[in-house]
Structures are given as structure tokens and as C-alpha cells.
């Protein structure tokens, strides 16, 4: 299975009608902070900071999908394709996060079971 690099695919969804904040959320948005240079310190970003930004991005993607689905259900959306695309992007990003979590748990279990 080939998994694309986090933050490497780019792309944005078009805003959908009456729902706020629907554009710019994709599955690749999980690690958008990874490409941004660090502030004045110039150091390498820590794993904890990257994980926090990935989770925050996932949360914002889920909130955008929630707003898009509500707008679609109430009929307040001008572009239904964009709303559906936003919901699908959120579903894909959640699946990716679940796969990463599963792999991390498996790796941790393997480390703990290793005989020294």
C-alpha cells in the first residue's frame, strides 16, 4: 500500500454557498504545518507540535464537513458538488488518521514485544 506524504498533495475545495469555512480542507491538509518554516528559532519542529497541528487540521476539516452537510440538508448551498466534495475530503482524512493511529499502535506493540 502506498500512502502519499502528508501535506504533499495540496488542492482546495471550492466554498459551498451559505456554509462558512468550507474551502481549503483536504485529506492532505493533515500536515500542512510541516512545510512551513519555523519562526525565528529556525529549529526543527517537534513531533508533538506536528501531531497537534495535524489533529487541529483534522478537527477543522470535520467542522467544515459538518457545516457543508448542514447547508446541503437545509438547501442553503449554491454548489452541491463542492459540499459533497468537502464531506468526502473529511471522510478520507479521518480514514487516513485512523490508519496512521493503527500503524502507530502496531509499531508500539511490536517494540514492547521485542526480546532484548
PDB file of N, CA and C in Angstrom:
ATOM      1  N   UNK A   1       0.835  -1.163   0.000  1.00  0.00           N
ATOM      2  CA  UNK A   1       0.000   0.000   0.000  1.00  0.00           C
ATOM      3  C   UNK A   1       0.888   1.236   0.000  1.00  0.00           C
ATOM      4  N   UNK A   2       0.620   2.163  -0.880  1.00  0.00           N
ATOM      5  CA  UNK A   2       1.391   3.398  -0.971  1.00  0.00           C
ATOM      6  C   UNK A   2       0.565   4.525  -0.362  1.00  0.00           C
ATOM      7  N   UNK A   3       1.151   5.202   0.629  1.00  0.00           N
ATOM      8  CA  UNK A   3       0.486   6.330   1.268  1.00  0.00           C
ATOM      9  C   UNK A   3       1.237   7.585   0.871  1.00  0.00           C
ATOM     10  N   UNK A   4       0.545   8.574   0.281  1.00  0.00           N
ATOM     11  CA  UNK A   4       1.223   9.801  -0.129  1.00  0.00           C
ATOM     12  C   UNK A   4       1.736  10.554   1.095  1.00  0.00           C
ATOM     13  N   UNK A   5       2.754  11.379   0.908  1.00  0.00           N
ATOM     14  CA  UNK A   5       3.269  12.149   2.039  1.00  0.00           C
ATOM     15  C   UNK A   5       2.211  13.109   2.559  1.00  0.00           C
ATOM     16  N   UNK A   6       2.160  13.255   3.874  1.00  0.00           N
ATOM     17  CA  UNK A   6       1.183  14.144   4.481  1.00  0.00           C
ATOM     18  C   UNK A   6       1.518  15.577   4.093  1.00  0.00           C
ATOM     19  N   UNK A   7       0.521  16.284   3.584  1.00  0.00           N
ATOM     20  CA  UNK A   7       0.712  17.669   3.186  1.00  0.00           C
ATOM     21  C   UNK A   7       1.293  17.819   1.794  1.00  0.00           C
ATOM     22  N   UNK A   8       1.528  16.700   1.072  1.00  0.00           N
ATOM     23  CA  UNK A   8       2.183  16.779  -0.211  1.00  0.00           C
ATOM     24  C   UNK A   8       1.264  16.836  -1.407  1.00  0.00           C
ATOM     25  N   UNK A   9      -0.037  16.668  -1.214  1.00  0.00           N
ATOM     26  CA  UNK A   9      -0.939  16.638  -2.353  1.00  0.00           C
ATOM     27  C   UNK A   9      -1.547  17.989  -2.669  1.00  0.00           C
ATOM     28  N   UNK A  10      -1.752  18.837  -1.665  1.00  0.00           N
ATOM     29  CA  UNK A  10      -2.313  20.168  -1.887  1.00  0.00           C
ATOM     30  C   UNK A  10      -3.734  20.117  -2.391  1.00  0.00           C
ATOM     31  N   UNK A  11      -4.202  21.216  -2.951  1.00  0.00           N
ATOM     32  CA  UNK A  11      -5.545  21.282  -3.501  1.00  0.00           C
ATOM     33  C   UNK A  11      -6.523  21.836  -2.481  1.00  0.00           C
ATOM     34  N   UNK A  12      -7.574  22.488  -2.993  1.00  0.00           N
ATOM     35  CA  UNK A  12      -8.591  23.033  -2.113  1.00  0.00           C
ATOM     36  C   UNK A  12      -9.950  22.764  -2.706  1.00  0.00           C
ATOM     37  N   UNK A  13     -10.937  22.750  -1.857  1.00  0.00           N
ATOM     38  CA  UNK A  13     -12.309  22.603  -2.306  1.00  0.00           C
ATOM     39  C   UNK A  13     -12.922  23.996  -2.428  1.00  0.00           C
ATOM     40  N   UNK A  14     -13.782  24.165  -3.391  1.00  0.00           N
ATOM     41  CA  UNK A  14     -14.438  25.457  -3.570  1.00  0.00           C
ATOM     42  C   UNK A  14     -15.448  25.664  -2.455  1.00  0.00           C
ATOM     43  N   UNK A  15     -15.607  26.889  -1.973  1.00  0.00           N
ATOM     44  CA  UNK A  15     -16.585  27.138  -0.926  1.00  0.00           C
ATOM     45  C   UNK A  15     -17.987  26.820  -1.416  1.00  0.00           C
ATOM     46  N   UNK A  16     -18.798  26.291  -0.528  1.00  0.00           N
ATOM     47  CA  UNK A  16     -20.145  25.918  -0.898  1.00  0.00           C
ATOM     48  C   UNK A  16     -21.135  26.886  -0.276  1.00  0.00           C
ATOM     49  N   UNK A  17     -21.777  27.647  -1.098  1.00  0.00           N
ATOM     50  CA  UNK A  17     -22.879  28.516  -0.755  1.00  0.00           C
ATOM     51  C   UNK A  17     -22.881  29.163   0.613  1.00  0.00           C
ATOM     52  N   UNK A  18     -23.932  28.849   1.430  1.00  0.00           N
ATOM     53  CA  UNK A  18     -24.146  29.542   2.672  1.00  0.00           C
ATOM     54  C   UNK A  18     -23.329  29.034   3.848  1.00  0.00           C
ATOM     55  N   UNK A  19     -22.555  27.996   3.708  1.00  0.00           N
ATOM     56  CA  UNK A  19     -21.782  27.488   4.831  1.00  0.00           C
ATOM     57  C   UNK A  19     -20.432  28.181   4.880  1.00  0.00           C
ATOM     58  N   UNK A  20     -20.014  28.569   6.062  1.00  0.00           N
ATOM     59  CA  UNK A  20     -18.758  29.280   6.236  1.00  0.00           C
ATOM     60  C   UNK A  20     -17.607  28.295   6.365  1.00  0.00           C
ATOM     61  N   UNK A  21     -16.446  28.665   5.869  1.00  0.00           N
ATOM     62  CA  UNK A  21     -15.232  27.892   6.077  1.00  0.00           C
ATOM     63  C   UNK A  21     -15.204  26.559   5.372  1.00  0.00           C
ATOM     64  N   UNK A  22     -15.803  26.444   4.211  1.00  0.00           N
ATOM     65  CA  UNK A  22     -15.842  25.158   3.534  1.00  0.00           C
ATOM     66  C   UNK A  22     -14.657  24.923   2.626  1.00  0.00           C
ATOM     67  N   UNK A  23     -13.951  25.944   2.207  1.00  0.00           N
ATOM     68  CA  UNK A  23     -12.847  25.764   1.275  1.00  0.00           C
ATOM     69  C   UNK A  23     -11.552  25.432   1.978  1.00  0.00           C
ATOM     70  N   UNK A  24     -10.649  24.792   1.245  1.00  0.00           N
ATOM     71  CA  UNK A  24      -9.296  24.589   1.725  1.00  0.00           C
ATOM     72  C   UNK A  24      -9.085  23.378   2.596  1.00  0.00           C
ATOM     73  N   UNK A  25     -10.059  22.518   2.768  1.00  0.00           N
ATOM     74  CA  UNK A  25      -9.869  21.348   3.612  1.00  0.00           C
ATOM     75  C   UNK A  25      -9.760  20.112   2.748  1.00  0.00           C
ATOM     76  N   UNK A  26      -8.618  19.438   2.829  1.00  0.00           N
ATOM     77  CA  UNK A  26      -8.425  18.212   2.089  1.00  0.00           C
ATOM     78  C   UNK A  26      -7.797  17.180   2.991  1.00  0.00           C
ATOM     79  N   UNK A  27      -7.747  15.958   2.539  1.00  0.00           N
ATOM     80  CA  UNK A  27      -7.088  14.913   3.303  1.00  0.00           C
ATOM     81  C   UNK A  27      -5.611  15.213   3.457  1.00  0.00           C
ATOM     82  N   UNK A  28      -5.032  15.893   2.477  1.00  0.00           N
ATOM     83  CA  UNK A  28      -3.613  16.231   2.562  1.00  0.00           C
ATOM     84  C   UNK A  28      -3.357  17.329   3.574  1.00  0.00           C
ATOM     85  N   UNK A  29      -4.408  17.978   4.046  1.00  0.00           N
ATOM     86  CA  UNK A  29      -4.244  19.065   5.000  1.00  0.00           C
ATOM     87  C   UNK A  29      -3.847  18.607   6.388  1.00  0.00           C
ATOM     88  N   UNK A  30      -3.696  17.314   6.609  1.00  0.00           N
ATOM     89  CA  UNK A  30      -3.332  16.825   7.925  1.00  0.00           C
ATOM     90  C   UNK A  30      -2.002  17.362   8.403  1.00  0.00           C
ATOM     91  N   UNK A  31      -1.087  17.590   7.528  1.00  0.00           N
ATOM     92  CA  UNK A  31       0.229  18.039   7.972  1.00  0.00           C
ATOM     93  C   UNK A  31       0.676  19.316   7.319  1.00  0.00           C
ATOM     94  N   UNK A  32      -0.218  20.244   7.109  1.00  0.00           N
ATOM     95  CA  UNK A  32       0.147  21.465   6.410  1.00  0.00           C
ATOM     96  C   UNK A  32       1.231  22.240   7.127  1.00  0.00           C
ATOM     97  N   UNK A  33       1.343  22.117   8.439  1.00  0.00           N
ATOM     98  CA  UNK A  33       2.358  22.836   9.183  1.00  0.00           C
ATOM     99  C   UNK A  33       3.762  22.319   8.907  1.00  0.00           C
ATOM    100  N   UNK A  34       3.905  21.139   8.323  1.00  0.00           N
ATOM    101  CA  UNK A  34       5.213  20.538   8.102  1.00  0.00           C
ATOM    102  C   UNK A  34       6.031  21.314   7.073  1.00  0.00           C
ATOM    103  N   UNK A  35       5.381  21.908   6.088  1.00  0.00           N
ATOM    104  CA  UNK A  35       6.117  22.600   5.044  1.00  0.00           C
ATOM    105  C   UNK A  35       6.464  24.037   5.429  1.00  0.00           C
ATOM    106  N   UNK A  36       5.791  24.562   6.419  1.00  0.00           N
ATOM    107  CA  UNK A  36       6.034  25.948   6.813  1.00  0.00           C
ATOM    108  C   UNK A  36       7.318  26.050   7.621  1.00  0.00           C
ATOM    109  N   UNK A  37       8.156  27.039   7.320  1.00  0.00           N
ATOM    110  CA  UNK A  37       9.390  27.190   8.085  1.00  0.00           C
ATOM    111  C   UNK A  37       9.088  27.607   9.510  1.00  0.00           C
ATOM    112  N   UNK A  38       9.954  27.216  10.408  1.00  0.00           N
ATOM    113  CA  UNK A  38       9.812  27.549  11.825  1.00  0.00           C
ATOM    114  C   UNK A  38      10.090  29.034  12.010  1.00  0.00           C
ATOM    115  N   UNK A  39       9.655  29.610  13.115  1.00  0.00           N
ATOM    116  CA  UNK A  39       9.801  31.034  13.386  1.00  0.00           C
ATOM    117  C   UNK A  39      11.255  31.459  13.506  1.00  0.00           C
ATOM    118  N   UNK A  40      11.547  32.405  14.359  1.00  0.00           N
ATOM    119  CA  UNK A  40      12.879  32.980  14.489  1.00  0.00           C
ATOM    120  C   UNK A  40      13.899  31.974  14.992  1.00  0.00           C
ATOM    121  N   UNK A  41      13.444  30.913  15.698  1.00  0.00           N
ATOM    122  CA  UNK A  41      14.356  29.911  16.232  1.00  0.00           C
ATOM    123  C   UNK A  41      15.046  29.111  15.140  1.00  0.00           C
ATOM    124  N   UNK A  42      14.368  28.874  14.025  1.00  0.00           N
ATOM    125  CA  UNK A  42      14.956  28.160  12.899  1.00  0.00           C
ATOM    126  C   UNK A  42      15.187  26.685  13.174  1.00  0.00           C
ATOM    127  N   UNK A  43      14.682  26.157  14.282  1.00  0.00           N
ATOM    128  CA  UNK A  43      14.873  24.760  14.633  1.00  0.00           C
ATOM    129  C   UNK A  43      13.883  23.865  13.929  1.00  0.00           C
ATOM    130  N   UNK A  44      14.115  22.580  14.079  1.00  0.00           N
ATOM    131  CA  UNK A  44      13.222  21.591  13.510  1.00  0.00           C
ATOM    132  C   UNK A  44      11.968  21.502  14.374  1.00  0.00           C
ATOM    133  N   UNK A  45      10.775  21.474  13.761  1.00  0.00           N
ATOM    134  CA  UNK A  45       9.559  21.366  14.549  1.00  0.00           C
ATOM    135  C   UNK A  45       9.530  20.018  15.284  1.00  0.00           C
ATOM    136  N   UNK A  46       9.007  20.016  16.495  1.00  0.00           N
ATOM    137  CA  UNK A  46       8.968  18.781  17.273  1.00  0.00           C
ATOM    138  C   UNK A  46       7.823  17.896  16.811  1.00  0.00           C
ATOM    139  N   UNK A  47       7.934  16.623  17.151  1.00  0.00           N
ATOM    140  CA  UNK A  47       6.899  15.653  16.792  1.00  0.00           C
ATOM    141  C   UNK A  47       5.574  16.031  17.442  1.00  0.00           C
ATOM    142  N   UNK A  48       5.634  16.461  18.697  1.00  0.00           N
ATOM    143  CA  UNK A  48       4.414  16.846  19.406  1.00  0.00           C
ATOM    144  C   UNK A  48       3.708  18.007  18.736  1.00  0.00           C
ATOM    145  N   UNK A  49       4.480  18.997  18.293  1.00  0.00           N
ATOM    146  CA  UNK A  49       3.881  20.151  17.613  1.00  0.00           C
ATOM    147  C   UNK A  49       3.249  19.742  16.290  1.00  0.00           C
ATOM    148  N   UNK A  50       3.920  18.872  15.550  1.00  0.00           N
ATOM    149  CA  UNK A  50       3.375  18.401  14.274  1.00  0.00           C
ATOM    150  C   UNK A  50       2.115  17.576  14.479  1.00  0.00           C
ATOM    151  N   UNK A  51       2.115  16.736  15.517  1.00  0.00           N
ATOM    152  CA  UNK A  51       0.937  15.926  15.813  1.00  0.00           C
ATOM    153  C   UNK A  51      -0.235  16.809  16.215  1.00  0.00           C
ATOM    154  N   UNK A  52       0.044  17.821  17.019  1.00  0.00           N
ATOM    155  CA  UNK A  52      -1.002  18.755  17.437  1.00  0.00           C
ATOM    156  C   UNK A  52      -1.582  19.501  16.241  1.00  0.00           C
ATOM    157  N   UNK A  53      -0.721  19.958  15.330  1.00  0.00           N
ATOM    158  CA  UNK A  53      -1.234  20.680  14.162  1.00  0.00           C
ATOM    159  C   UNK A  53      -2.022  19.750  13.242  1.00  0.00           C
ATOM    160  N   UNK A  54      -1.608  18.484  13.140  1.00  0.00           N
ATOM    161  CA  UNK A  54      -2.346  17.519  12.321  1.00  0.00           C
ATOM    162  C   UNK A  54      -3.730  17.258  12.902  1.00  0.00           C
ATOM    163  N   UNK A  55      -3.808  17.131  14.210  1.00  0.00           N
ATOM    164  CA  UNK A  55      -5.100  16.896  14.850  1.00  0.00           C
ATOM    165  C   UNK A  55      -5.993  18.126  14.721  1.00  0.00           C
ATOM    166  N   UNK A  56      -5.420  19.304  14.879  1.00  0.00           N
ATOM    167  CA  UNK A  56      -6.200  20.539  14.705  1.00  0.00           C
ATOM    168  C   UNK A  56      -6.724  20.663  13.277  1.00  0.00           C
ATOM    169  N   UNK A  57      -5.899  20.286  12.307  1.00  0.00           N
ATOM    170  CA  UNK A  57      -6.325  20.330  10.911  1.00  0.00           C
ATOM    171  C   UNK A  57      -7.449  19.328  10.653  1.00  0.00           C
ATOM    172  N   UNK A  58      -7.335  18.143  11.248  1.00  0.00           N
ATOM    173  CA  UNK A  58      -8.385  17.134  11.107  1.00  0.00           C
ATOM    174  C   UNK A  58      -9.687  17.640  11.717  1.00  0.00           C
ATOM    175  N   UNK A  59      -9.593  18.287  12.866  1.00  0.00           N
ATOM    176  CA  UNK A  59     -10.779  18.827  13.520  1.00  0.00           C
ATOM    177  C   UNK A  59     -11.435  19.907  12.664  1.00  0.00           C
ATOM    178  N   UNK A  60     -10.638  20.794  12.074  1.00  0.00           N
ATOM    179  CA  UNK A  60     -11.216  21.845  11.234  1.00  0.00           C
ATOM    180  C   UNK A  60     -11.839  21.258   9.969  1.00  0.00           C
ATOM    181  N   UNK A  61     -11.241  20.194   9.442  1.00  0.00           N
ATOM    182  CA  UNK A  61     -11.813  19.518   8.278  1.00  0.00           C
ATOM    183  C   UNK A  61     -13.165  18.912   8.630  1.00  0.00           C
ATOM    184  N   UNK A  62     -13.254  18.307   9.816  1.00  0.00           N
ATOM    185  CA  UNK A  62     -14.517  17.720  10.253  1.00  0.00           C
ATOM    186  C   UNK A  62     -15.583  18.791  10.479  1.00  0.00           C
ATOM    187  N   UNK A  63     -15.181  19.942  11.032  1.00  0.00           N
ATOM    188  CA  UNK A  63     -16.129  21.038  11.241  1.00  0.00           C
ATOM    189  C   UNK A  63     -16.623  21.595   9.910  1.00  0.00           C
ATOM    190  N   UNK A  64     -15.733  21.680   8.925  1.00  0.00           N
ATOM    191  CA  UNK A  64     -16.133  22.150   7.593  1.00  0.00           C
ATOM    192  C   UNK A  64     -17.120  21.184   6.957  1.00  0.00           C
ATOM    193  N   UNK A  65     -16.880  19.900   7.132  1.00  0.00           N
ATOM    194  CA  UNK A  65     -17.787  18.892   6.588  1.00  0.00           C
ATOM    195  C   UNK A  65     -19.140  18.958   7.273  1.00  0.00           C
ATOM    196  N   UNK A  66     -19.135  19.203   8.570  1.00  0.00           N
ATOM    197  CA  UNK A  66     -20.390  19.333   9.311  1.00  0.00           C
ATOM    198  C   UNK A  66     -21.192  20.518   8.795  1.00  0.00           C
ATOM    199  N   UNK A  67     -20.516  21.652   8.610  1.00  0.00           N
ATOM    200  CA  UNK A  67     -21.201  22.841   8.091  1.00  0.00           C
ATOM    201  C   UNK A  67     -21.716  22.601   6.669  1.00  0.00           C
ATOM    202  N   UNK A  68     -20.919  21.909   5.857  1.00  0.00           N
ATOM    203  CA  UNK A  68     -21.338  21.635   4.475  1.00  0.00           C
ATOM    204  C   UNK A  68     -22.543  20.707   4.439  1.00  0.00           C
ATOM    205  N   UNK A  69     -22.546  19.682   5.291  1.00  0.00           N
ATOM    206  CA  UNK A  69     -23.670  18.753   5.284  1.00  0.00           C
ATOM    207  C   UNK A  69     -24.944  19.423   5.805  1.00  0.00           C
ATOM    208  N   UNK A  70     -24.797  20.299   6.800  1.00  0.00           N
ATOM    209  CA  UNK A  70     -25.972  21.032   7.283  1.00  0.00           C
ATOM    210  C   UNK A  70     -26.512  21.969   6.208  1.00  0.00           C
ATOM    211  N   UNK A  71     -25.616  22.654   5.508  1.00  0.00           N
ATOM    212  CA  UNK A  71     -26.044  23.555   4.439  1.00  0.00           C
ATOM    213  C   UNK A  71     -26.713  22.777   3.311  1.00  0.00           C
ATOM    214  N   UNK A  72     -26.180  21.603   3.023  1.00  0.00           N
ATOM    215  CA  UNK A  72     -26.762  20.769   1.973  1.00  0.00           C
ATOM    216  C   UNK A  72     -28.142  20.261   2.386  1.00  0.00           C
ATOM    217  N   UNK A  73     -28.283  19.866   3.640  1.00  0.00           N
ATOM    218  CA  UNK A  73     -29.558  19.350   4.128  1.00  0.00           C
ATOM    219  C   UNK A  73     -30.634  20.429   4.184  1.00  0.00           C
ATOM    220  N   UNK A  74     -30.244  21.653   4.502  1.00  0.00           N
ATOM    221  CA  UNK A  74     -31.224  22.735   4.593  1.00  0.00           C
ATOM    222  C   UNK A  74     -31.472  23.428   3.257  1.00  0.00           C
ATOM    223  N   UNK A  75     -30.680  23.108   2.253  1.00  0.00           N
ATOM    224  CA  UNK A  75     -30.850  23.716   0.935  1.00  0.00           C
ATOM    225  C   UNK A  75     -30.214  25.082   0.808  1.00  0.00           C
ATOM    226  N   UNK A  76     -29.301  25.423   1.694  1.00  0.00           N
ATOM    227  CA  UNK A  76     -28.649  26.732   1.659  1.00  0.00           C
ATOM    228  C   UNK A  76     -27.329  26.716   0.915  1.00  0.00           C
ATOM    229  N   UNK A  77     -27.124  25.768   0.054  1.00  0.00           N
ATOM    230  CA  UNK A  77     -25.854  25.642  -0.649  1.00  0.00           C
ATOM    231  C   UNK A  77     -26.070  25.931  -2.130  1.00  0.00           C
ATOM    232  N   UNK A  78     -25.153  26.713  -2.709  1.00  0.00           N
ATOM    233  CA  UNK A  78     -25.261  27.048  -4.132  1.00  0.00           C
ATOM    234  C   UNK A  78     -24.564  26.016  -5.006  1.00  0.00           C
ATOM    235  N   UNK A  79     -23.538  25.359  -4.460  1.00  0.00           N
ATOM    236  CA  UNK A  79     -22.768  24.382  -5.226  1.00  0.00           C
ATOM    237  C   UNK A  79     -22.757  23.038  -4.482  1.00  0.00           C
ATOM    238  N   UNK A  80     -23.714  22.167  -4.780  1.00  0.00           N
ATOM    239  CA  UNK A  80     -23.793  20.890  -4.055  1.00  0.00           C
ATOM    240  C   UNK A  80     -22.558  20.013  -4.253  1.00  0.00           C
ATOM    241  N   UNK A  81     -21.928  20.103  -5.423  1.00  0.00           N
ATOM    242  CA  UNK A  81     -20.738  19.285  -5.669  1.00  0.00           C
ATOM    243  C   UNK A  81     -19.615  19.652  -4.704  1.00  0.00           C
ATOM    244  N   UNK A  82     -19.447  20.940  -4.431  1.00  0.00           N
ATOM    245  CA  UNK A  82     -18.407  21.385  -3.501  1.00  0.00           C
ATOM    246  C   UNK A  82     -18.705  20.909  -2.082  1.00  0.00           C
ATOM    247  N   UNK A  83     -19.976  20.929  -1.693  1.00  0.00           N
ATOM    248  CA  UNK A  83     -20.352  20.467  -0.356  1.00  0.00           C
ATOM    249  C   UNK A  83     -20.088  18.969  -0.217  1.00  0.00           C
ATOM    250  N   UNK A  84     -20.445  18.216  -1.226  1.00  0.00           N
ATOM    251  CA  UNK A  84     -20.210  16.768  -1.196  1.00  0.00           C
ATOM    252  C   UNK A  84     -18.717  16.481  -1.207  1.00  0.00           C
ATOM    253  N   UNK A  85     -17.975  17.240  -1.978  1.00  0.00           N
ATOM    254  CA  UNK A  85     -16.521  17.080  -2.015  1.00  0.00           C
ATOM    255  C   UNK A  85     -15.894  17.364  -0.645  1.00  0.00           C
ATOM    256  N   UNK A  86     -16.395  18.371   0.041  1.00  0.00           N
ATOM    257  CA  UNK A  86     -15.893  18.709   1.377  1.00  0.00           C
ATOM    258  C   UNK A  86     -16.163  17.576   2.360  1.00  0.00           C
ATOM    259  N   UNK A  87     -17.353  16.996   2.286  1.00  0.00           N
ATOM    260  CA  UNK A  87     -17.692  15.878   3.176  1.00  0.00           C
ATOM    261  C   UNK A  87     -16.826  14.663   2.859  1.00  0.00           C
ATOM    262  N   UNK A  88     -16.602  14.383   1.588  1.00  0.00           N
ATOM    263  CA  UNK A  88     -15.759  13.252   1.202  1.00  0.00           C
ATOM    264  C   UNK A  88     -14.304  13.459   1.624  1.00  0.00           C
ATOM    265  N   UNK A  89     -13.813  14.690   1.491  1.00  0.00           N
ATOM    266  CA  UNK A  89     -12.450  15.003   1.941  1.00  0.00           C
ATOM    267  C   UNK A  89     -12.305  14.747   3.433  1.00  0.00           C
ATOM    268  N   UNK A  90     -13.320  15.127   4.201  1.00  0.00           N
ATOM    269  CA  UNK A  90     -13.286  14.901   5.648  1.00  0.00           C
ATOM    270  C   UNK A  90     -13.304  13.407   5.963  1.00  0.00           C
ATOM    271  N   UNK A  91     -14.083  12.653   5.214  1.00  0.00           N
ATOM    272  CA  UNK A  91     -14.130  11.205   5.438  1.00  0.00           C
ATOM    273  C   UNK A  91     -12.778  10.562   5.117  1.00  0.00           C
ATOM    274  N   UNK A  92     -12.160  10.994   4.027  1.00  0.00           N
ATOM    275  CA  UNK A  92     -10.851  10.457   3.666  1.00  0.00           C
ATOM    276  C   UNK A  92      -9.781  10.833   4.686  1.00  0.00           C
ATOM    277  N   UNK A  93      -9.830  12.055   5.179  1.00  0.00           N
ATOM    278  CA  UNK A  93      -8.835  12.466   6.167  1.00  0.00           C
ATOM    279  C   UNK A  93      -9.020  11.704   7.471  1.00  0.00           C
ATOM    280  N   UNK A  94     -10.255  11.386   7.840  1.00  0.00           N
ATOM    281  CA  UNK A  94     -10.500  10.597   9.044  1.00  0.00           C
ATOM    282  C   UNK A  94     -10.008   9.161   8.851  1.00  0.00           C
ATOM    283  N   UNK A  95     -10.218   8.607   7.661  1.00  0.00           N
ATOM    284  CA  UNK A  95      -9.710   7.264   7.382  1.00  0.00           C
ATOM    285  C   UNK A  95      -8.187   7.230   7.444  1.00  0.00           C
ATOM    286  N   UNK A  96      -7.541   8.255   6.897  1.00  0.00           N
ATOM    287  CA  UNK A  96      -6.084   8.333   6.941  1.00  0.00           C
ATOM    288  C   UNK A  96      -5.588   8.432   8.376  1.00  0.00           C
ATOM    289  N   UNK A  97      -6.238   9.265   9.181  1.00  0.00           N
ATOM    290  CA  UNK A  97      -5.850   9.402  10.587  1.00  0.00           C
ATOM    291  C   UNK A  97      -6.033   8.078  11.327  1.00  0.00           C
ATOM    292  N   UNK A  98      -7.096   7.355  11.033  1.00  0.00           N
ATOM    293  CA  UNK A  98      -7.331   6.059  11.676  1.00  0.00           C
ATOM    294  C   UNK A  98      -6.260   5.042  11.269  1.00  0.00           C
ATOM    295  N   UNK A  99      -5.863   5.054  10.001  1.00  0.00           N
ATOM    296  CA  UNK A  99      -4.811   4.140   9.547  1.00  0.00           C
ATOM    297  C   UNK A  99      -3.471   4.471  10.192  1.00  0.00           C
ATOM    298  N   UNK A 100      -3.170   5.748  10.323  1.00  0.00           N
ATOM    299  CA  UNK A 100      -1.916   6.158  10.958  1.00  0.00           C
ATOM    300  C   UNK A 100      -1.924   5.738  12.424  1.00  0.00           C
ATOM    301  N   UNK A 101      -3.055   5.929  13.096  1.00  0.00           N
ATOM    302  CA  UNK A 101      -3.174   5.515  14.500  1.00  0.00           C
ATOM    303  C   UNK A 101      -2.989   4.013  14.644  1.00  0.00           C
ATOM    304  N   UNK A 102      -3.609   3.235  13.766  1.00  0.00           N
ATOM    305  CA  UNK A 102      -3.484   1.787  13.815  1.00  0.00           C
ATOM    306  C   UNK A 102      -2.034   1.360  13.611  1.00  0.00           C
ATOM    307  N   UNK A 103      -1.354   1.949  12.644  1.00  0.00           N
ATOM    308  CA  UNK A 103       0.058   1.620  12.402  1.00  0.00           C
ATOM    309  C   UNK A 103       0.927   1.991  13.591  1.00  0.00           C
ATOM    310  N   UNK A 104       0.634   3.121  14.225  1.00  0.00           N
ATOM    311  CA  UNK A 104       1.415   3.538  15.397  1.00  0.00           C
ATOM    312  C   UNK A 104       1.208   2.572  16.560  1.00  0.00           C
ATOM    313  N   UNK A 105      -0.025   2.127  16.759  1.00  0.00           N
ATOM    314  CA  UNK A 105      -0.305   1.161  17.833  1.00  0.00           C
ATOM    315  C   UNK A 105       0.389  -0.162  17.547  1.00  0.00           C
ATOM    316  N   UNK A 106       0.341  -0.621  16.297  1.00  0.00           N
ATOM    317  CA  UNK A 106       1.017  -1.870  15.931  1.00  0.00           C
ATOM    318  C   UNK A 106       2.521  -1.760  16.136  1.00  0.00           C
ATOM    319  N   UNK A 107       3.092  -0.639  15.769  1.00  0.00           N
ATOM    320  CA  UNK A 107       4.532  -0.443  15.946  1.00  0.00           C
ATOM    321  C   UNK A 107       4.903  -0.426  17.420  1.00  0.00           C
ATOM    322  N   UNK A 108       4.081   0.225  18.228  1.00  0.00           N
ATOM    323  CA  UNK A 108       4.338   0.256  19.672  1.00  0.00           C
ATOM    324  C   UNK A 108       4.253  -1.140  20.270  1.00  0.00           C
ATOM    325  N   UNK A 109       3.256  -1.913  19.880  1.00  0.00           N
ATOM    326  CA  UNK A 109       3.123  -3.277  20.380  1.00  0.00           C
ATOM    327  C   UNK A 109       4.310  -4.137  19.963  1.00  0.00           C
ATOM    328  N   UNK A 110       4.792  -3.951  18.740  1.00  0.00           N
ATOM    329  CA  UNK A 110       5.945  -4.704  18.270  1.00  0.00           C
ATOM    330  C   UNK A 110       7.189  -4.348  19.079  1.00  0.00           C
ATOM    331  N   UNK A 111       7.355  -3.077  19.377  1.00  0.00           N
ATOM    332  CA  UNK A 111       8.513  -2.649  20.175  1.00  0.00           C
ATOM    333  C   UNK A 111       8.473  -3.264  21.567  1.00  0.00           C
ATOM    334  N   UNK A 112       7.285  -3.255  22.196  1.00  0.00           N
ATOM    335  CA  UNK A 112       7.157  -3.794  23.546  1.00  0.00           C
ATOM    336  C   UNK A 112       7.323  -5.310  23.581  1.00  0.00           C
ATOM    337  N   UNK A 113       7.016  -5.999  22.480  1.00  0.00           N
ATOM    338  CA  UNK A 113       7.137  -7.448  22.439  1.00  0.00           C
ATOM    339  C   UNK A 113       8.529  -7.912  22.026  1.00  0.00           C
ATOM    340  N   UNK A 114       9.393  -6.993  21.624  1.00  0.00           N
ATOM    341  CA  UNK A 114      10.735  -7.354  21.180  1.00  0.00           C
ATOM    342  C   UNK A 114      11.564  -7.838  22.366  1.00  0.00           C
ATOM    343  N   UNK A 115      12.190  -9.008  22.201  1.00  0.00           N
ATOM    344  CA  UNK A 115      13.091  -9.567  23.229  1.00  0.00           C
ATOM    345  C   UNK A 115      14.446  -8.903  23.124  1.00  0.00           C
ATOM    346  N   UNK A 116      14.984  -8.522  24.256  1.00  0.00           N
ATOM    347  CA  UNK A 116      16.305  -7.875  24.257  1.00  0.00           C
ATOM    348  C   UNK A 116      17.363  -8.845  24.696  1.00  0.00           C
TER     349      UNK A 116
END
